[in-house]
Amino acid sequence: MKYSLIVYGKFCFFKIAETLLKSEKLVKLYTSYPKLLTIETPLRPMMVSLGFLHIMTRLGHRIFPKGGPNDQILKMIFSIFMYWKLKFYDDGADVYMFLGQNGFYKKLIKLLKKRDRKIIIINGSAHPRTRNELMQKLIEQVSWETKTRIIPDYILSNYDHELKLADLIIAPSDFVAKSLIKEMSVIKDKVRTIPFGLDLSSNPIVGDNTHKNKIIILGNVSGQKGYDYINSAAKNFPDLIFEFVGEVERNIPKDKAHKNIKFLGKIKYKNVQKILPQYDALLIASIQDGFGAVVPQAIAAGLNVLASKNVGAIDICSDEIDLFFNPFDASAIRDAISQFYENHHLLRNRAIKRALSPLEFSWMKFMKETENNLIQDVFK
């Protein structure tokens, strides 16, 4: 089988593409993510980059919040470009792999289906109707959150059509799979759950079990990532330091952050693994996260994970090592932190032992399982 990849944004999708770029099975990569062009591969000349879209997105986000109308316009431009590109050019792929949905792929997928090509959609997030429900609940509880994150109805309809047309839908977690099936029971037989992976360029540094009194929160600092609830919980732990690593979205009321909350800004992905041993635990309080790529990173570094029950990566966590909570309840976050420090020595030792065991998840394994499902269920 020969693959073509179509990628719009998102770093985790970049990692999947990076894995496939090492394979001779890749025919062509179409992307709006210019960083993919930095990968050393003989297939680089065969790529089509829409890096200007990435630049426009960066500029546009200074006007519109992320997830707002600017994003939708850029996704539409990308989809129109891809449709006309492939309408007049057949790259010879047997399978088109869409790394993520953007709500504007329906016409493009119909074109490819007419040519009898197979379609895989790797859906990294919950169904947009599920995301809308959770976001609406957040907006009702957090006054500064913006309504521009609500996905409009006409795009919801497009998402449904894209899923119906797909031959195989890969979800990285049970959380995502269940939301897709709940909203669209007709696709139940197409959905497979395969956890995202983690490939490390070198052996990770594993932390020790000494008290550091520091908790790390990785990813963009936003309402969707549970900032308000973390801030509320942090006031109960004046001796702990909560350090946010990631870009702070402009609507975040930083001036109201408690004194024990620190904002470290963005750190390069390759450097995150170096700093993780400085912390006791990873806190991920997202109101919804299809997987949460930071979780396997933390596990590999020997950290315990304190996670929202709406984070897909809890599938690879352990009830004996990690703690889970309702993301809409600051007191539940507080209780998880308290329980962790009450059992610090025991839980830290278990987390370190887990990190020293062979990792059970990798991008190569992810792609192999995806292909096995494709062969068994689509090309049967």
Protein backbone atom coordinates (compact mmCIF):
# COMPACT_ATOMS: atom_id res chain seq x y z
CA MET A 1 0.00 0.00 0.00
CA LYS A 2 1.08 3.55 -0.75
CA TYR A 3 0.04 6.42 1.49
CA SER A 4 -0.52 10.12 1.07
CA LEU A 5 -0.76 12.24 4.21
CA ILE A 6 -2.82 15.38 4.59
CA VAL A 7 -1.88 17.34 7.71
CA TYR A 8 -3.33 20.57 9.05
CA GLY A 9 -1.49 21.88 12.12
CA LYS A 10 -1.09 20.23 15.53
CA PHE A 11 2.24 19.03 16.88
CA CYS A 12 1.09 15.49 17.71
CA PHE A 13 0.13 15.01 14.06
CA PHE A 14 3.60 16.20 13.13
CA LYS A 15 5.04 13.31 15.16
CA ILE A 16 2.84 10.80 13.32
CA ALA A 17 3.91 12.24 9.99
CA GLU A 18 7.54 12.14 11.09
CA THR A 19 7.19 8.40 11.69
CA LEU A 20 5.63 7.76 8.27
CA LEU A 21 8.29 9.89 6.58
CA LYS A 22 10.77 7.17 7.53
CA SER A 23 8.77 4.69 5.47
CA GLU A 24 9.08 4.04 1.76
CA LYS A 25 5.30 3.70 1.69
CA LEU A 26 4.78 7.45 1.71
CA VAL A 27 3.93 8.87 -1.71
CA LYS A 28 3.40 12.49 -0.75
CA LEU A 29 2.85 14.74 2.23
CA TYR A 30 0.58 17.77 2.05
CA THR A 31 0.86 20.04 5.05
CA SER A 32 0.23 23.50 6.46
CA TYR A 33 2.88 22.82 9.10
CA PRO A 34 6.25 24.08 7.80
CA LYS A 35 8.28 22.34 10.52
CA LEU A 36 7.74 19.08 8.65
CA LEU A 37 10.08 20.37 5.97
CA THR A 38 12.99 20.33 8.43
CA ILE A 39 12.93 16.54 8.69
CA GLU A 40 15.87 14.86 6.98
CA THR A 41 14.33 12.51 4.43
CA PRO A 42 14.85 11.69 0.75
CA LEU A 43 11.12 12.32 0.28
CA ARG A 44 11.40 16.00 1.11
CA PRO A 45 11.22 17.14 -2.55
CA MET A 46 7.92 15.28 -2.86
CA MET A 47 6.19 17.34 -0.19
CA VAL A 48 3.75 20.18 -0.77
CA SER A 49 4.00 22.80 1.96
CA LEU A 50 1.43 25.44 2.72
CA GLY A 51 3.66 27.13 5.23
CA PHE A 52 2.16 30.51 4.40
CA LEU A 53 -1.04 29.32 6.07
CA HIS A 54 0.91 28.69 9.25
CA ILE A 55 2.33 32.22 9.08
CA MET A 56 -1.14 33.67 8.44
CA THR A 57 -2.45 31.72 11.41
CA ARG A 58 0.23 33.14 13.69
CA LEU A 59 -0.56 36.67 12.55
CA GLY A 60 -4.30 36.11 12.64
CA HIS A 61 -4.22 34.90 16.23
CA ARG A 62 -3.12 38.37 17.24
CA ILE A 63 -6.56 39.50 16.08
CA PHE A 64 -8.71 36.44 16.82
CA PRO A 65 -8.35 34.03 19.77
CA LYS A 66 -7.23 30.53 18.86
CA GLY A 67 -10.15 28.42 17.74
CA GLY A 68 -11.96 31.51 16.48
CA PRO A 69 -13.16 32.50 12.99
CA ASN A 70 -9.64 33.02 11.68
CA ASP A 71 -8.88 29.32 12.15
CA GLN A 72 -12.01 28.34 10.23
CA ILE A 73 -11.12 30.58 7.30
CA LEU A 74 -7.61 29.14 7.06
CA LYS A 75 -8.89 25.57 7.26
CA MET A 76 -11.31 26.31 4.43
CA ILE A 77 -8.50 27.77 2.27
CA PHE A 78 -6.33 24.71 2.94
CA SER A 79 -9.17 22.33 2.01
CA ILE A 80 -9.99 24.21 -1.21
CA PHE A 81 -6.33 24.14 -2.21
CA MET A 82 -6.12 20.38 -1.58
CA TYR A 83 -9.32 19.71 -3.53
CA TRP A 84 -8.14 21.48 -6.69
CA LYS A 85 -4.63 20.09 -6.30
CA LEU A 86 -5.85 16.48 -6.24
CA LYS A 87 -8.65 17.03 -8.75
CA PHE A 88 -6.09 17.60 -11.50
CA TYR A 89 -3.25 15.50 -10.10
CA ASP A 90 -3.39 11.84 -9.08
CA ASP A 91 -0.38 11.03 -6.92
CA GLY A 92 -1.02 7.28 -7.09
CA ALA A 93 -1.72 6.66 -3.42
CA ASP A 94 -3.92 3.73 -2.35
CA VAL A 95 -4.76 5.30 1.00
CA TYR A 96 -5.24 8.92 2.04
CA MET A 97 -4.59 9.51 5.70
CA PHE A 98 -6.12 12.66 7.14
CA LEU A 99 -4.29 13.55 10.34
CA GLY A 100 -7.17 15.32 12.02
CA GLN A 101 -10.44 16.73 10.72
CA ASN A 102 -10.99 20.36 9.87
CA GLY A 103 -14.68 20.39 8.92
CA PHE A 104 -14.03 21.27 5.26
CA TYR A 105 -12.74 17.98 3.85
CA LYS A 106 -16.11 16.58 2.70
CA LYS A 107 -15.77 17.55 -0.98
CA LEU A 108 -12.15 16.38 -1.11
CA ILE A 109 -12.97 13.00 0.45
CA LYS A 110 -15.86 12.51 -1.99
CA LEU A 111 -13.45 13.13 -4.87
CA LEU A 112 -11.02 10.51 -3.56
CA LYS A 113 -13.80 7.98 -2.91
CA LYS A 114 -14.92 8.30 -6.55
CA ARG A 115 -11.42 7.11 -7.45
CA ASP A 116 -11.92 4.14 -5.14
CA ARG A 117 -9.22 5.29 -2.72
CA LYS A 118 -9.38 4.35 0.94
CA ILE A 119 -9.70 7.02 3.62
CA ILE A 120 -8.30 6.94 7.16
CA ILE A 121 -9.16 9.73 9.57
CA ILE A 122 -6.98 9.95 12.66
CA ASN A 123 -9.23 11.95 14.95
CA GLY A 124 -7.21 13.31 17.84
CA SER A 125 -10.13 15.00 19.59
CA ALA A 126 -13.59 14.15 20.84
CA HIS A 127 -16.51 14.72 18.50
CA PRO A 128 -17.03 18.50 18.12
CA ARG A 129 -20.54 18.28 19.60
CA THR A 130 -19.05 16.76 22.74
CA ARG A 131 -16.40 19.49 22.75
CA ASN A 132 -19.09 22.15 22.35
CA GLU A 133 -21.03 20.79 25.32
CA LEU A 134 -17.95 20.83 27.53
CA MET A 135 -16.87 24.27 26.30
CA GLN A 136 -20.34 25.69 26.94
CA LYS A 137 -20.18 24.38 30.51
CA LEU A 138 -16.78 26.04 30.92
CA ILE A 139 -18.07 29.37 29.57
CA GLU A 140 -20.94 29.28 32.08
CA GLN A 141 -18.51 28.75 34.96
CA VAL A 142 -15.58 30.93 33.83
CA SER A 143 -16.65 34.45 32.97
CA TRP A 144 -13.53 35.39 30.96
CA GLU A 145 -13.65 32.41 28.57
CA THR A 146 -14.59 33.26 24.98
CA LYS A 147 -17.53 31.88 22.98
CA THR A 148 -15.49 31.91 19.75
CA ARG A 149 -14.40 28.37 20.64
CA ILE A 150 -17.90 27.01 20.02
CA ILE A 151 -17.87 25.16 16.68
CA PRO A 152 -20.75 26.37 14.43
CA ASP A 153 -23.51 24.02 13.24
CA TYR A 154 -22.56 24.04 9.55
CA ILE A 155 -19.08 22.74 10.44
CA LEU A 156 -20.58 20.09 12.74
CA SER A 157 -22.56 18.79 9.75
CA ASN A 158 -19.37 18.65 7.67
CA TYR A 159 -17.60 16.68 10.42
CA ASP A 160 -20.39 14.10 10.39
CA HIS A 161 -20.16 13.68 6.61
CA GLU A 162 -16.39 13.26 6.75
CA LEU A 163 -16.70 10.53 9.37
CA LYS A 164 -19.41 8.70 7.39
CA LEU A 165 -17.24 8.69 4.27
CA ALA A 166 -14.14 7.34 6.03
CA ASP A 167 -13.20 3.66 5.72
CA LEU A 168 -11.37 3.63 9.04
CA ILE A 169 -11.37 6.07 11.99
CA ILE A 170 -8.53 5.94 14.48
CA ALA A 171 -9.11 7.35 17.98
CA PRO A 172 -6.16 7.72 20.36
CA SER A 173 -8.27 6.98 23.45
CA ASP A 174 -11.51 5.50 24.73
CA PHE A 175 -12.65 9.05 25.57
CA VAL A 176 -12.47 10.03 21.88
CA ALA A 177 -13.88 6.75 20.58
CA LYS A 178 -16.89 6.86 22.92
CA SER A 179 -17.67 10.47 22.02
CA LEU A 180 -17.57 9.70 18.28
CA ILE A 181 -19.82 6.65 18.65
CA LYS A 182 -22.19 8.48 21.02
CA GLU A 183 -22.74 11.28 18.50
CA MET A 184 -22.74 9.00 15.43
CA SER A 185 -23.67 5.40 16.14
CA VAL A 186 -23.55 4.55 12.40
CA ILE A 187 -19.72 4.72 12.43
CA LYS A 188 -19.35 2.30 15.36
CA ASP A 189 -17.83 -0.50 13.23
CA LYS A 190 -15.24 1.85 11.71
CA VAL A 191 -13.74 3.18 14.95
CA ARG A 192 -10.56 1.69 16.42
CA THR A 193 -8.73 2.85 19.54
CA ILE A 194 -4.93 3.00 19.22
CA PRO A 195 -3.00 5.15 21.76
CA PHE A 196 -0.62 7.77 20.41
CA GLY A 197 3.05 7.07 20.99
CA LEU A 198 6.24 8.57 22.32
CA ASP A 199 9.59 8.39 20.57
CA LEU A 200 12.55 9.72 22.52
CA SER A 201 15.74 10.87 20.81
CA SER A 202 17.72 9.62 23.81
CA ASN A 203 17.12 7.76 27.05
CA PRO A 204 15.03 10.00 29.33
CA ILE A 205 16.37 11.22 32.66
CA VAL A 206 14.25 9.63 35.38
CA GLY A 207 13.59 11.69 38.50
CA ASP A 208 14.04 10.52 42.10
CA ASN A 209 11.55 10.28 44.97
CA THR A 210 12.72 13.32 46.97
CA HIS A 211 10.18 16.02 47.78
CA LYS A 212 10.55 18.85 45.26
CA ASN A 213 7.24 20.52 46.13
CA LYS A 214 6.80 21.45 42.46
CA ILE A 215 4.10 20.44 40.00
CA ILE A 216 4.35 21.03 36.27
CA ILE A 217 1.47 21.88 33.92
CA LEU A 218 2.42 21.44 30.23
CA GLY A 219 0.65 22.90 27.20
CA ASN A 220 -1.01 26.17 26.26
CA VAL A 221 -2.30 28.04 29.30
CA SER A 222 -6.01 28.40 28.57
CA GLY A 223 -9.49 27.91 29.94
CA GLN A 224 -9.81 24.68 27.99
CA LYS A 225 -6.69 23.40 29.78
CA GLY A 226 -8.35 24.03 33.16
CA TYR A 227 -6.38 27.12 34.19
CA ASP A 228 -9.15 28.64 36.33
CA TYR A 229 -9.71 25.43 38.32
CA ILE A 230 -5.97 24.92 38.87
CA ASN A 231 -5.64 28.51 40.10
CA SER A 232 -8.51 27.96 42.54
CA ALA A 233 -6.98 24.72 43.85
CA ALA A 234 -3.47 26.19 44.16
CA LYS A 235 -4.47 28.62 46.94
CA ASN A 236 -4.84 25.62 49.27
CA PHE A 237 -1.16 24.69 48.87
CA PRO A 238 0.98 27.74 49.70
CA ASP A 239 4.11 25.57 50.06
CA LEU A 240 3.79 24.08 46.56
CA ILE A 241 4.89 25.70 43.32
CA PHE A 242 2.70 25.23 40.23
CA GLU A 243 4.68 25.95 37.06
CA PHE A 244 2.94 26.41 33.72
CA VAL A 245 5.06 25.63 30.67
CA GLY A 246 3.49 26.83 27.44
CA GLU A 247 2.10 29.83 25.62
CA VAL A 248 -0.28 31.91 27.74
CA GLU A 249 -3.41 32.80 25.80
CA ARG A 250 -4.14 36.49 25.90
CA ASN A 251 -7.50 36.28 27.67
CA ILE A 252 -5.95 34.57 30.72
CA PRO A 253 -6.24 36.88 33.79
CA LYS A 254 -2.61 36.42 34.91
CA ASP A 255 -2.92 39.29 37.37
CA LYS A 256 -5.34 37.16 39.41
CA ALA A 257 -2.99 34.16 39.63
CA HIS A 258 -2.01 33.07 43.15
CA LYS A 259 1.56 33.74 44.28
CA ASN A 260 2.58 30.08 44.00
CA ILE A 261 1.71 29.96 40.29
CA LYS A 262 4.56 30.63 37.86
CA PHE A 263 4.48 31.08 34.08
CA LEU A 264 7.66 29.81 32.41
CA GLY A 265 6.55 30.42 28.81
CA LYS A 266 7.19 28.10 25.88
CA ILE A 267 9.97 25.51 26.01
CA LYS A 268 11.10 23.51 22.98
CA TYR A 269 9.63 20.01 22.87
CA LYS A 270 13.06 18.36 22.89
CA ASN A 271 13.97 20.27 26.08
CA VAL A 272 10.83 19.35 28.02
CA GLN A 273 12.19 15.87 28.81
CA LYS A 274 15.26 17.49 30.42
CA ILE A 275 13.26 19.56 32.92
CA LEU A 276 10.61 16.99 33.92
CA PRO A 277 12.80 15.31 36.63
CA GLN A 278 12.72 18.63 38.53
CA TYR A 279 9.05 18.02 39.45
CA ASP A 280 7.02 15.63 41.58
CA ALA A 281 4.07 15.25 39.22
CA LEU A 282 2.39 16.36 36.03
CA LEU A 283 -1.00 18.05 36.45
CA ILE A 284 -3.25 17.98 33.38
CA ALA A 285 -6.70 19.43 34.09
CA SER A 286 -8.10 19.81 30.57
CA ILE A 287 -11.87 19.92 30.25
CA GLN A 288 -11.29 17.68 27.24
CA ASP A 289 -8.15 16.35 25.61
CA GLY A 290 -8.31 13.60 23.01
CA PHE A 291 -5.05 12.16 24.24
CA GLY A 292 -2.58 14.50 25.95
CA ALA A 293 0.87 13.92 24.45
CA VAL A 294 2.50 15.30 27.60
CA VAL A 295 1.32 12.28 29.61
CA PRO A 296 3.64 9.66 28.05
CA GLN A 297 6.46 12.20 28.34
CA ALA A 298 5.83 12.50 32.07
CA ILE A 299 5.55 8.73 32.49
CA ALA A 300 8.90 8.21 30.75
CA ALA A 301 10.51 10.70 33.16
CA GLY A 302 9.18 8.89 36.21
CA LEU A 303 6.51 11.42 37.17
CA ASN A 304 3.12 10.66 38.60
CA VAL A 305 0.17 11.96 36.60
CA LEU A 306 -2.71 13.89 38.17
CA ALA A 307 -5.22 13.99 35.34
CA SER A 308 -8.70 15.05 34.36
CA LYS A 309 -11.04 12.15 33.63
CA ASN A 310 -11.62 13.81 30.24
CA VAL A 311 -8.00 13.35 29.19
CA GLY A 312 -7.69 10.40 26.82
CA ALA A 313 -4.18 9.47 27.92
CA ILE A 314 -5.46 8.14 31.25
CA ASP A 315 -5.85 4.94 29.19
CA ILE A 316 -2.08 4.45 29.55
CA CYS A 317 -2.01 5.52 33.22
CA SER A 318 -2.42 3.33 36.30
CA ASP A 319 -4.87 3.55 39.20
CA GLU A 320 -2.03 2.41 41.49
CA ILE A 321 0.30 5.22 40.44
CA ASP A 322 -1.78 8.13 39.13
CA LEU A 323 -4.84 10.06 40.30
CA PHE A 324 -7.87 11.25 38.32
CA PHE A 325 -10.50 13.93 38.95
CA ASN A 326 -13.51 15.81 37.57
CA PRO A 327 -12.00 18.77 35.66
CA PHE A 328 -14.91 21.10 36.46
CA ASP A 329 -14.36 20.80 40.21
CA ALA A 330 -11.47 22.71 41.82
CA SER A 331 -12.04 20.81 45.07
CA ALA A 332 -11.54 17.51 43.22
CA ILE A 333 -8.20 18.79 41.89
CA ARG A 334 -7.28 19.87 45.42
CA ASP A 335 -8.19 16.41 46.80
CA ALA A 336 -6.07 14.65 44.15
CA ILE A 337 -3.05 16.82 45.01
CA SER A 338 -3.56 16.20 48.75
CA GLN A 339 -3.86 12.45 48.24
CA PHE A 340 -0.72 12.43 46.13
CA TYR A 341 1.41 14.19 48.75
CA GLU A 342 -0.07 12.10 51.59
CA ASN A 343 1.21 9.01 49.76
CA HIS A 344 4.18 10.68 48.11
CA HIS A 345 6.90 8.12 48.85
CA LEU A 346 4.84 5.10 47.77
CA LEU A 347 3.44 6.68 44.61
CA ARG A 348 6.76 8.20 43.53
CA ASN A 349 8.55 4.86 43.89
CA ARG A 350 5.90 3.18 41.74
CA ALA A 351 6.16 5.88 39.08
CA ILE A 352 9.96 5.58 38.96
CA LYS A 353 9.72 1.80 38.64
CA ARG A 354 7.26 2.23 35.75
CA ALA A 355 9.62 4.62 33.98
CA LEU A 356 12.47 2.12 34.19
CA SER A 357 10.36 -0.54 32.47
CA PRO A 358 10.18 -0.76 28.65
CA LEU A 359 7.70 1.73 27.16
CA GLU A 360 4.59 0.08 25.78
CA PHE A 361 3.73 2.87 23.34
CA SER A 362 5.59 4.34 20.37
CA TRP A 363 4.70 6.07 17.11
CA MET A 364 6.05 3.12 15.16
CA LYS A 365 3.73 0.77 17.05
CA PHE A 366 0.86 3.20 16.47
CA MET A 367 1.41 3.16 12.70
CA LYS A 368 1.83 -0.63 12.61
CA GLU A 369 -1.45 -1.18 14.45
CA THR A 370 -3.17 1.35 12.17
CA GLU A 371 -1.97 -0.52 9.10
CA ASN A 372 -2.98 -3.89 10.55
CA ASN A 373 -6.51 -2.58 11.12
CA LEU A 374 -6.56 -1.18 7.60
CA ILE A 375 -5.59 -4.53 6.09
CA GLN A 376 -7.98 -6.57 8.26
CA ASP A 377 -11.03 -4.30 8.09
CA VAL A 378 -10.75 -2.29 4.86
CA PHE A 379 -8.78 -4.38 2.38
CA LYS A 380 -10.32 -7.68 3.55
